[in-house]
Amino acid sequence: MRFLITGGAGFIGTALANYLIQQGHTVRVLDDLSAGQAERLHPDIHFTRGDVEDKPKIWRLLNKIDCVYHLAARVSVQESVLYPREYNKTNVSGTVAIMEAMRDAGVKRVVLASSGAVYGEQNIAKVHEDLLPNPSSPYAVSKLAAENYVHTIGAEWNIETVCLRIFNAYGPGQAIPPIHAPVIPMVVRQVLGGGSVIIHGNGQQVRDYIYVDDVVKALVMAATTDNISRQTINVGTSIGTSINQLVDLIEQVTNQKAQRIVTNVVSGGISTLIADTSKVEKLLGYTSRVTLAEGIALLVEQDKRLIKQF
């Protein structure tokens, strides 16, 4: 098959692109490199630097494409609170631009990478796709809007659409910015480097952490499975892990002791977010394979940025 991956030089996009090219597919990547690294892509991948709203460039890249993976997005919850207009432009307007270009180019399938963040705070242990979303950040609002645009435009223009609500993905190559870094690589780096790990409040905030290879597997299946158009599907492990449990596990895997600092400042994020994976298991025959302990071990083994901290 022939794929275009927007945001394909990012964390998940790179893993997906490299996997597809190794399976013998033709892969084109579009990325503005605001957060991606083109040098991590396999040399056989056709890389183009550009913006998702550059329609002439998108039209050229869509020539003879079978399926688009739309991963291009701004992804920081905290940053979106400061810059909601920019998040709307990239995550919403950019999605609409891609759908218009697909219509004009005659591409008939798109897989959108959405987020479990759209659920927000819910009074249920595991969130399922039939729940009314309760987004609590501009980022979550933008992803929910993107889902609605994808499905609505797809229905109008006869484009097959699948939206995957990906939960907390982690793995080698994930960006670790100086502020608001993803929790797993940040804590691993701090533990390996002898730094402090800050625990907000009671450390009982619970998330569903999924290894990047399992996310890639779900993305691949979403592009090739029949009779799933207009579906919105959770991609997670169905296992919740608190911050305290996560730090305990990282200590065990690395055989290093964390220097914990507990603050009275309670995180403003969602208290519990765990995926109900019944739908993905039924529609795609998918289950995650990599346990959290295995994934952390792979992260430590493969990510040289963290290994250097010894």
Protein backbone atom coordinates (compact mmCIF):
# COMPACT_ATOMS: atom_id res chain seq x y z
CA MET A 1 0.00 0.00 0.00
CA ARG A 2 0.93 3.65 -0.38
CA PHE A 3 0.68 5.84 2.74
CA LEU A 4 1.02 9.52 3.57
CA ILE A 5 1.74 10.24 7.23
CA THR A 6 1.29 13.82 8.37
CA GLY A 7 3.38 14.52 11.45
CA GLY A 8 5.37 11.47 10.40
CA ALA A 9 8.67 12.72 11.85
CA GLY A 10 7.20 12.92 15.34
CA PHE A 11 7.38 10.28 18.06
CA ILE A 12 4.53 7.98 16.99
CA GLY A 13 4.76 8.99 13.34
CA THR A 14 8.40 7.94 13.05
CA ALA A 15 7.72 4.55 14.62
CA LEU A 16 4.77 4.02 12.26
CA ALA A 17 6.62 5.19 9.14
CA ASN A 18 9.67 3.04 9.83
CA TYR A 19 7.52 -0.01 10.50
CA LEU A 20 5.52 0.42 7.29
CA ILE A 21 8.58 0.89 5.09
CA GLN A 22 10.15 -2.23 6.59
CA GLN A 23 6.99 -4.14 5.66
CA GLY A 24 7.44 -3.18 2.02
CA HIS A 25 4.93 -0.33 1.78
CA THR A 26 5.50 3.02 0.10
CA VAL A 27 5.62 5.78 2.70
CA ARG A 28 5.57 9.56 2.32
CA VAL A 29 5.96 11.80 5.35
CA LEU A 30 4.94 15.43 5.77
CA ASP A 31 6.19 17.25 8.85
CA ASP A 32 7.02 20.87 9.66
CA LEU A 33 9.73 19.68 12.12
CA SER A 34 8.38 21.89 14.90
CA ALA A 35 8.67 18.81 17.11
CA GLY A 36 9.88 16.04 14.77
CA GLN A 37 13.29 14.75 13.72
CA ALA A 38 13.60 13.74 10.07
CA GLU A 39 16.95 12.02 10.64
CA ARG A 40 15.20 9.25 12.58
CA LEU A 41 13.24 8.20 9.49
CA HIS A 42 14.31 5.24 7.34
CA PRO A 43 16.22 6.48 4.25
CA ASP A 44 13.68 4.91 1.87
CA ILE A 45 10.89 7.13 3.22
CA HIS A 46 10.04 10.14 1.05
CA PHE A 47 10.21 13.09 3.48
CA THR A 48 8.79 16.54 2.76
CA ARG A 49 9.05 19.45 5.13
CA GLY A 50 5.86 21.45 5.14
CA ASP A 51 2.60 22.47 6.75
CA VAL A 52 -0.70 20.57 6.55
CA GLU A 53 -2.41 23.72 5.27
CA ASP A 54 -0.12 24.01 2.24
CA LYS A 55 -2.65 22.57 -0.19
CA PRO A 56 -0.50 22.51 -3.36
CA LYS A 57 2.17 20.56 -1.53
CA ILE A 58 -0.42 18.22 0.01
CA TRP A 59 -2.04 17.55 -3.39
CA ARG A 60 1.32 16.45 -4.82
CA LEU A 61 1.98 14.15 -1.88
CA LEU A 62 -1.49 12.59 -2.14
CA ASN A 63 -0.95 11.37 -5.69
CA LYS A 64 -1.82 7.63 -5.82
CA ILE A 65 -1.99 7.39 -1.99
CA ASP A 66 -4.24 4.62 -0.59
CA CYS A 67 -4.53 5.87 3.00
CA VAL A 68 -3.61 8.95 5.01
CA TYR A 69 -2.49 8.77 8.63
CA HIS A 70 -3.19 12.20 10.08
CA LEU A 71 -0.89 12.54 13.09
CA ALA A 72 0.20 16.17 12.65
CA ALA A 73 -0.85 18.03 15.80
CA ARG A 74 0.28 20.06 18.74
CA VAL A 75 0.04 17.78 21.75
CA SER A 76 0.82 19.57 25.03
CA VAL A 77 -2.17 19.95 27.34
CA GLN A 78 -0.44 22.65 29.38
CA GLU A 79 0.75 24.59 26.35
CA SER A 80 -2.73 24.53 24.84
CA VAL A 81 -4.04 26.48 27.84
CA LEU A 82 -1.63 29.29 26.97
CA TYR A 83 -2.05 29.14 23.19
CA PRO A 84 -5.56 27.87 22.38
CA ARG A 85 -5.75 29.72 19.05
CA GLU A 86 -2.58 28.05 17.79
CA TYR A 87 -3.91 24.64 18.86
CA ASN A 88 -7.16 25.29 17.05
CA LYS A 89 -5.27 26.31 13.91
CA THR A 90 -3.03 23.24 13.78
CA ASN A 91 -5.29 20.55 15.20
CA VAL A 92 -8.63 21.66 13.78
CA SER A 93 -8.01 23.83 10.71
CA GLY A 94 -5.12 21.57 9.70
CA THR A 95 -7.40 18.54 9.87
CA VAL A 96 -10.04 20.21 7.71
CA ALA A 97 -7.35 21.17 5.17
CA ILE A 98 -6.18 17.56 4.93
CA MET A 99 -9.73 16.32 4.41
CA GLU A 100 -10.34 18.89 1.64
CA ALA A 101 -7.12 17.87 -0.08
CA MET A 102 -8.06 14.18 0.18
CA ARG A 103 -11.43 14.92 -1.42
CA ASP A 104 -9.75 16.73 -4.31
CA ALA A 105 -7.12 13.99 -4.77
CA GLY A 106 -9.61 11.12 -4.53
CA VAL A 107 -8.00 9.44 -1.48
CA LYS A 108 -10.59 7.24 0.20
CA ARG A 109 -9.31 6.37 3.69
CA VAL A 110 -7.95 8.35 6.63
CA VAL A 111 -6.91 7.31 10.13
CA LEU A 112 -6.85 10.16 12.65
CA ALA A 113 -4.69 9.95 15.76
CA SER A 114 -6.93 11.39 18.46
CA SER A 115 -6.50 11.24 22.23
CA GLY A 116 -8.02 9.73 25.34
CA ALA A 117 -7.88 13.27 26.74
CA VAL A 118 -11.22 14.02 25.04
CA TYR A 119 -13.01 12.11 27.82
CA GLY A 120 -11.92 14.45 30.59
CA GLU A 121 -13.06 13.65 34.11
CA GLN A 122 -15.59 10.81 34.17
CA ASN A 123 -17.38 9.01 36.99
CA ILE A 124 -16.41 5.59 35.70
CA ALA A 125 -13.39 3.34 36.20
CA LYS A 126 -12.67 2.78 32.50
CA VAL A 127 -13.82 5.12 29.77
CA HIS A 128 -15.63 3.72 26.72
CA GLU A 129 -16.46 5.29 23.39
CA ASP A 130 -20.17 5.77 24.10
CA LEU A 131 -19.50 8.22 26.93
CA LEU A 132 -20.21 11.91 26.40
CA PRO A 133 -16.78 13.56 26.12
CA ASN A 134 -15.89 16.10 28.78
CA PRO A 135 -12.73 17.81 27.48
CA SER A 136 -10.93 19.89 30.09
CA SER A 137 -8.25 21.60 27.99
CA PRO A 138 -8.05 23.37 24.62
CA TYR A 139 -5.93 20.44 23.41
CA ALA A 140 -8.70 17.97 24.22
CA VAL A 141 -11.32 20.24 22.64
CA SER A 142 -9.23 20.46 19.46
CA LYS A 143 -8.89 16.68 19.19
CA LEU A 144 -12.62 16.17 19.71
CA ALA A 145 -13.37 18.79 17.06
CA ALA A 146 -10.93 17.07 14.68
CA GLU A 147 -12.74 13.75 15.19
CA ASN A 148 -16.10 15.34 14.39
CA TYR A 149 -14.76 17.06 11.30
CA VAL A 150 -13.13 13.87 10.02
CA HIS A 151 -16.26 11.76 10.40
CA THR A 152 -18.67 14.45 9.15
CA ILE A 153 -16.60 15.42 6.11
CA GLY A 154 -15.88 11.76 5.40
CA ALA A 155 -19.58 11.00 5.29
CA GLU A 156 -20.22 13.95 2.96
CA TRP A 157 -17.42 13.04 0.55
CA ASN A 158 -17.44 9.24 0.77
CA ILE A 159 -14.08 8.94 2.54
CA GLU A 160 -13.60 6.04 4.96
CA THR A 161 -12.68 7.43 8.39
CA VAL A 162 -11.32 5.90 11.60
CA CYS A 163 -10.42 7.88 14.72
CA LEU A 164 -8.16 6.25 17.31
CA ARG A 165 -8.21 7.71 20.80
CA ILE A 166 -4.66 6.94 21.88
CA PHE A 167 -3.96 6.98 25.59
CA ASN A 168 -0.58 7.73 27.21
CA ALA A 169 1.94 6.49 24.66
CA TYR A 170 5.61 6.16 25.58
CA GLY A 171 8.77 4.64 24.17
CA PRO A 172 12.21 5.37 22.69
CA GLY A 173 12.57 8.68 20.87
CA GLN A 174 9.78 10.51 22.69
CA ALA A 175 10.50 14.22 23.04
CA ILE A 176 11.55 15.36 26.52
CA PRO A 177 11.11 19.15 26.55
CA PRO A 178 12.47 21.13 29.50
CA ILE A 179 8.95 21.88 30.75
CA HIS A 180 5.81 19.71 30.69
CA ALA A 181 7.72 16.61 29.58
CA PRO A 182 5.91 13.25 29.25
CA VAL A 183 6.00 11.52 32.61
CA ILE A 184 7.68 8.18 31.80
CA PRO A 185 10.83 9.39 29.99
CA MET A 186 11.10 12.30 32.41
CA VAL A 187 11.00 10.08 35.50
CA VAL A 188 13.33 7.48 33.95
CA ARG A 189 15.87 10.18 33.09
CA GLN A 190 15.68 11.66 36.57
CA VAL A 191 16.08 8.28 38.27
CA LEU A 192 19.00 7.21 36.07
CA GLY A 193 20.68 10.59 36.47
CA GLY A 194 20.27 10.80 40.25
CA GLY A 195 17.85 13.72 39.99
CA SER A 196 14.70 14.41 41.93
CA VAL A 197 11.26 13.10 41.02
CA ILE A 198 8.48 15.51 41.97
CA ILE A 199 5.22 13.92 43.12
CA HIS A 200 2.22 16.26 43.04
CA GLY A 201 -0.29 15.78 45.83
CA ASN A 202 -0.81 12.17 46.87
CA GLY A 203 0.62 10.63 43.70
CA GLN A 204 -2.60 8.74 43.02
CA GLN A 205 -3.25 10.21 39.57
CA VAL A 206 -3.89 7.18 37.33
CA ARG A 207 -3.11 6.81 33.63
CA ASP A 208 -3.16 4.06 31.00
CA TYR A 209 0.38 3.84 29.57
CA ILE A 210 0.80 2.11 26.20
CA TYR A 211 4.09 1.27 24.49
CA VAL A 212 4.64 2.88 21.10
CA ASP A 213 4.96 -0.45 19.24
CA ASP A 214 1.47 -1.39 20.40
CA VAL A 215 0.15 1.96 19.19
CA VAL A 216 1.74 1.31 15.79
CA LYS A 217 0.07 -2.09 15.64
CA ALA A 218 -3.34 -0.51 16.22
CA LEU A 219 -2.69 2.17 13.59
CA VAL A 220 -1.73 -0.45 11.02
CA MET A 221 -4.82 -2.52 11.74
CA ALA A 222 -7.06 0.56 11.51
CA ALA A 223 -5.84 1.20 7.96
CA THR A 224 -6.38 -2.35 6.72
CA THR A 225 -9.46 -3.67 8.55
CA ASP A 226 -12.73 -3.69 6.61
CA ASN A 227 -16.12 -2.36 7.75
CA ILE A 228 -14.90 0.04 10.44
CA SER A 229 -15.55 3.36 8.72
CA ARG A 230 -16.94 6.14 11.00
CA GLN A 231 -15.66 4.31 14.07
CA THR A 232 -13.97 6.02 17.01
CA ILE A 233 -11.88 3.52 18.95
CA ASN A 234 -9.85 3.56 22.17
CA VAL A 235 -6.22 2.41 21.98
CA GLY A 236 -4.86 1.59 25.42
CA THR A 237 -4.03 -1.31 27.69
CA SER A 238 -7.08 -1.20 30.00
CA ILE A 239 -4.62 -1.13 32.93
CA GLY A 240 -4.31 1.91 35.19
CA THR A 241 -1.09 2.86 36.94
CA SER A 242 -0.75 5.61 39.53
CA ILE A 243 2.23 7.95 39.62
CA ASN A 244 3.42 6.30 42.83
CA GLN A 245 3.18 2.85 41.24
CA LEU A 246 4.97 4.11 38.14
CA VAL A 247 7.92 5.44 40.13
CA ASP A 248 8.06 2.17 42.10
CA LEU A 249 8.18 0.21 38.84
CA ILE A 250 10.87 2.43 37.32
CA GLU A 251 12.96 1.87 40.45
CA GLN A 252 12.58 -1.89 40.04
CA VAL A 253 13.41 -1.92 36.32
CA THR A 254 16.43 0.39 36.60
CA ASN A 255 17.60 -0.94 39.96
CA GLN A 256 17.98 2.69 41.01
CA LYS A 257 16.39 4.54 43.91
CA ALA A 258 14.28 7.60 43.11
CA GLN A 259 14.75 10.76 45.12
CA ARG A 260 11.12 11.69 45.62
CA ILE A 261 9.95 15.18 46.47
CA VAL A 262 6.28 15.38 47.44
CA THR A 263 4.57 18.74 46.96
CA ASN A 264 1.22 19.98 48.21
CA VAL A 265 0.44 21.32 44.74
CA VAL A 266 -2.21 19.07 43.24
CA SER A 267 -1.97 18.47 39.51
CA GLY A 268 -4.79 20.14 37.60
CA GLY A 269 -5.10 17.16 35.27
CA ILE A 270 -7.66 14.38 35.12
CA SER A 271 -7.55 12.18 38.22
CA THR A 272 -8.09 8.84 36.43
CA LEU A 273 -7.97 7.96 32.74
CA ILE A 274 -8.04 4.27 31.76
CA ALA A 275 -9.23 2.90 28.42
CA ASP A 276 -12.02 0.39 28.08
CA THR A 277 -10.57 -1.68 25.23
CA SER A 278 -13.62 -3.84 24.47
CA LYS A 279 -14.30 -2.10 21.17
CA VAL A 280 -10.77 -2.31 19.78
CA GLU A 281 -10.64 -5.98 20.73
CA LYS A 282 -13.95 -6.64 18.96
CA LEU A 283 -13.46 -4.55 15.80
CA LEU A 284 -9.74 -4.98 15.20
CA GLY A 285 -8.98 -8.16 17.12
CA TYR A 286 -6.37 -6.05 18.90
CA THR A 287 -4.82 -6.35 22.34
CA SER A 288 -1.71 -4.61 23.62
CA ARG A 289 1.28 -6.92 24.13
CA VAL A 290 4.00 -4.98 25.92
CA THR A 291 3.62 -4.73 29.69
CA LEU A 292 4.61 -1.51 31.42
CA ALA A 293 7.66 -3.14 33.00
CA GLU A 294 8.75 -4.54 29.62
CA GLY A 295 8.20 -1.19 27.94
CA ILE A 296 10.24 0.72 30.51
CA ALA A 297 13.05 -1.82 30.13
CA LEU A 298 12.97 -1.37 26.34
CA LEU A 299 13.00 2.40 26.79
CA VAL A 300 16.08 2.27 29.03
CA GLU A 301 17.81 -0.16 26.66
CA GLN A 302 17.11 1.68 23.40
CA ASP A 303 16.98 5.40 24.19
CA LYS A 304 20.56 6.67 24.26
CA ARG A 305 19.51 9.99 25.76
CA LEU A 306 18.56 8.13 28.93
CA ILE A 307 21.44 5.64 28.90
CA LYS A 308 23.89 8.55 28.95
CA GLN A 309 22.54 9.49 32.35
CA PHE A 310 24.27 6.55 34.08
